[in-house]
Amino acid sequence: MADKGDKSLMRLLGEFFGHIGKAVRSDPSQPERVVTRKEVEQETRQTDKGKLTLRRTTIEEIEISPTDQGEVDCGDPDRG
């Protein structure tokens, strides 16, 4: 039997074809978004009407839009 934490061959094949399926269904004209940091601040207070929860969520993203040639400009002068 597989050790704990090891994935079976069927699981690995399913993940592999799932990634391929996701790539086929994706729209290449849409910019790619990568979440770099997600921060949640939460504070709970007791009021006359009951418990009050204040929550602030900050999400920082990087959006990568394709250039006219269909390539991403990484700003590296050596990569033409």
C-alpha atoms as a PDB file:
ATOM      1  CA  MET A   1       0.000   0.000   0.000  1.00  0.00           C
ATOM      2  CA  ALA A   2       1.162   3.571  -0.613  1.00  0.00           C
ATOM      3  CA  ASP A   3       2.735   5.494   2.242  1.00  0.00           C
ATOM      4  CA  LYS A   4       0.754   8.329   3.810  1.00  0.00           C
ATOM      5  CA  GLY A   5       1.129  11.454   1.664  1.00  0.00           C
ATOM      6  CA  ASP A   6       1.919   9.571  -1.556  1.00  0.00           C
ATOM      7  CA  LYS A   7      -0.580   9.981  -4.379  1.00  0.00           C
ATOM      8  CA  SER A   8      -1.740   7.016  -6.409  1.00  0.00           C
ATOM      9  CA  LEU A   9      -1.109   6.747 -10.130  1.00  0.00           C
ATOM     10  CA  MET A  10      -4.812   7.316 -10.878  1.00  0.00           C
ATOM     11  CA  ARG A  11      -4.804  10.465  -8.729  1.00  0.00           C
ATOM     12  CA  LEU A  12      -1.710  11.817 -10.512  1.00  0.00           C
ATOM     13  CA  LEU A  13      -3.235  11.080 -13.945  1.00  0.00           C
ATOM     14  CA  GLY A  14      -6.466  12.803 -12.934  1.00  0.00           C
ATOM     15  CA  GLU A  15      -4.577  15.909 -11.795  1.00  0.00           C
ATOM     16  CA  PHE A  16      -2.525  15.895 -15.009  1.00  0.00           C
ATOM     17  CA  PHE A  17      -5.562  15.746 -17.296  1.00  0.00           C
ATOM     18  CA  GLY A  18      -7.370  18.249 -15.080  1.00  0.00           C
ATOM     19  CA  HIS A  19      -4.599  20.791 -15.673  1.00  0.00           C
ATOM     20  CA  ILE A  20      -4.763  20.145 -19.412  1.00  0.00           C
ATOM     21  CA  GLY A  21      -8.543  20.554 -19.378  1.00  0.00           C
ATOM     22  CA  LYS A  22      -8.258  23.820 -17.474  1.00  0.00           C
ATOM     23  CA  ALA A  23      -5.770  25.132 -20.049  1.00  0.00           C
ATOM     24  CA  VAL A  24      -8.079  24.162 -22.923  1.00  0.00           C
ATOM     25  CA  ARG A  25     -11.078  25.901 -21.329  1.00  0.00           C
ATOM     26  CA  SER A  26      -9.163  29.068 -20.393  1.00  0.00           C
ATOM     27  CA  ASP A  27      -9.365  32.251 -22.459  1.00  0.00           C
ATOM     28  CA  PRO A  28      -5.851  33.345 -23.496  1.00  0.00           C
ATOM     29  CA  SER A  29      -7.023  36.909 -24.173  1.00  0.00           C
ATOM     30  CA  GLN A  30      -7.808  37.381 -20.483  1.00  0.00           C
ATOM     31  CA  PRO A  31      -4.950  38.636 -18.291  1.00  0.00           C
ATOM     32  CA  GLU A  32      -3.466  36.211 -15.801  1.00  0.00           C
ATOM     33  CA  ARG A  33      -3.978  37.169 -12.149  1.00  0.00           C
ATOM     34  CA  VAL A  34      -1.757  35.966  -9.352  1.00  0.00           C
ATOM     35  CA  VAL A  35      -2.695  36.620  -5.726  1.00  0.00           C
ATOM     36  CA  THR A  36       0.475  37.660  -3.952  1.00  0.00           C
ATOM     37  CA  ARG A  37      -0.909  38.335  -0.495  1.00  0.00           C
ATOM     38  CA  LYS A  38      -4.236  38.006   1.286  1.00  0.00           C
ATOM     39  CA  GLU A  39      -4.605  39.661   4.660  1.00  0.00           C
ATOM     40  CA  VAL A  40      -7.632  39.377   6.956  1.00  0.00           C
ATOM     41  CA  GLU A  41      -8.105  41.558  10.029  1.00  0.00           C
ATOM     42  CA  GLN A  42     -10.937  40.577  12.350  1.00  0.00           C
ATOM     43  CA  GLU A  43     -12.215  42.205  15.528  1.00  0.00           C
ATOM     44  CA  THR A  44     -15.133  41.125  17.693  1.00  0.00           C
ATOM     45  CA  ARG A  45     -16.979  43.521  19.981  1.00  0.00           C
ATOM     46  CA  GLN A  46     -19.868  43.073  22.365  1.00  0.00           C
ATOM     47  CA  THR A  47     -22.644  45.647  21.852  1.00  0.00           C
ATOM     48  CA  ASP A  48     -26.110  46.238  23.317  1.00  0.00           C
ATOM     49  CA  LYS A  49     -27.649  44.313  20.412  1.00  0.00           C
ATOM     50  CA  GLY A  50     -25.229  41.381  20.614  1.00  0.00           C
ATOM     51  CA  LYS A  51     -21.879  40.337  19.273  1.00  0.00           C
ATOM     52  CA  LEU A  52     -20.474  42.440  16.403  1.00  0.00           C
ATOM     53  CA  THR A  53     -17.704  41.176  14.116  1.00  0.00           C
ATOM     54  CA  LEU A  54     -15.690  43.650  12.069  1.00  0.00           C
ATOM     55  CA  ARG A  55     -13.666  42.097   9.260  1.00  0.00           C
ATOM     56  CA  ARG A  56     -11.396  43.726   6.660  1.00  0.00           C
ATOM     57  CA  THR A  57      -9.931  41.640   3.827  1.00  0.00           C
ATOM     58  CA  THR A  58      -7.102  43.006   1.684  1.00  0.00           C
ATOM     59  CA  ILE A  59      -6.093  41.091  -1.450  1.00  0.00           C
ATOM     60  CA  GLU A  60      -3.048  42.106  -3.468  1.00  0.00           C
ATOM     61  CA  GLU A  61      -2.876  40.767  -7.023  1.00  0.00           C
ATOM     62  CA  ILE A  62      -0.496  40.920  -9.943  1.00  0.00           C
ATOM     63  CA  GLU A  63      -2.150  41.120 -13.362  1.00  0.00           C
ATOM     64  CA  ILE A  64      -0.089  40.006 -16.350  1.00  0.00           C
ATOM     65  CA  SER A  65      -1.490  41.109 -19.716  1.00  0.00           C
ATOM     66  CA  PRO A  66      -0.110  39.651 -22.938  1.00  0.00           C
ATOM     67  CA  THR A  67       1.766  42.075 -25.218  1.00  0.00           C
ATOM     68  CA  ASP A  68       0.975  42.579 -28.916  1.00  0.00           C
ATOM     69  CA  GLN A  69       3.259  39.700 -29.915  1.00  0.00           C
ATOM     70  CA  GLY A  70       1.439  37.361 -27.526  1.00  0.00           C
ATOM     71  CA  GLU A  71       4.414  37.173 -25.163  1.00  0.00           C
ATOM     72  CA  VAL A  72       4.721  38.549 -21.664  1.00  0.00           C
ATOM     73  CA  ASP A  73       7.278  41.339 -21.335  1.00  0.00           C
ATOM     74  CA  CYS A  74       9.268  40.504 -18.221  1.00  0.00           C
ATOM     75  CA  GLY A  75      11.472  43.594 -18.501  1.00  0.00           C
ATOM     76  CA  ASP A  76      14.616  41.536 -19.115  1.00  0.00           C
ATOM     77  CA  PRO A  77      16.683  43.285 -21.837  1.00  0.00           C
ATOM     78  CA  ASP A  78      18.406  40.001 -22.751  1.00  0.00           C
ATOM     79  CA  ARG A  79      15.083  38.408 -23.771  1.00  0.00           C
ATOM     80  CA  GLY A  80      14.472  40.628 -26.834  1.00  0.00           C
END
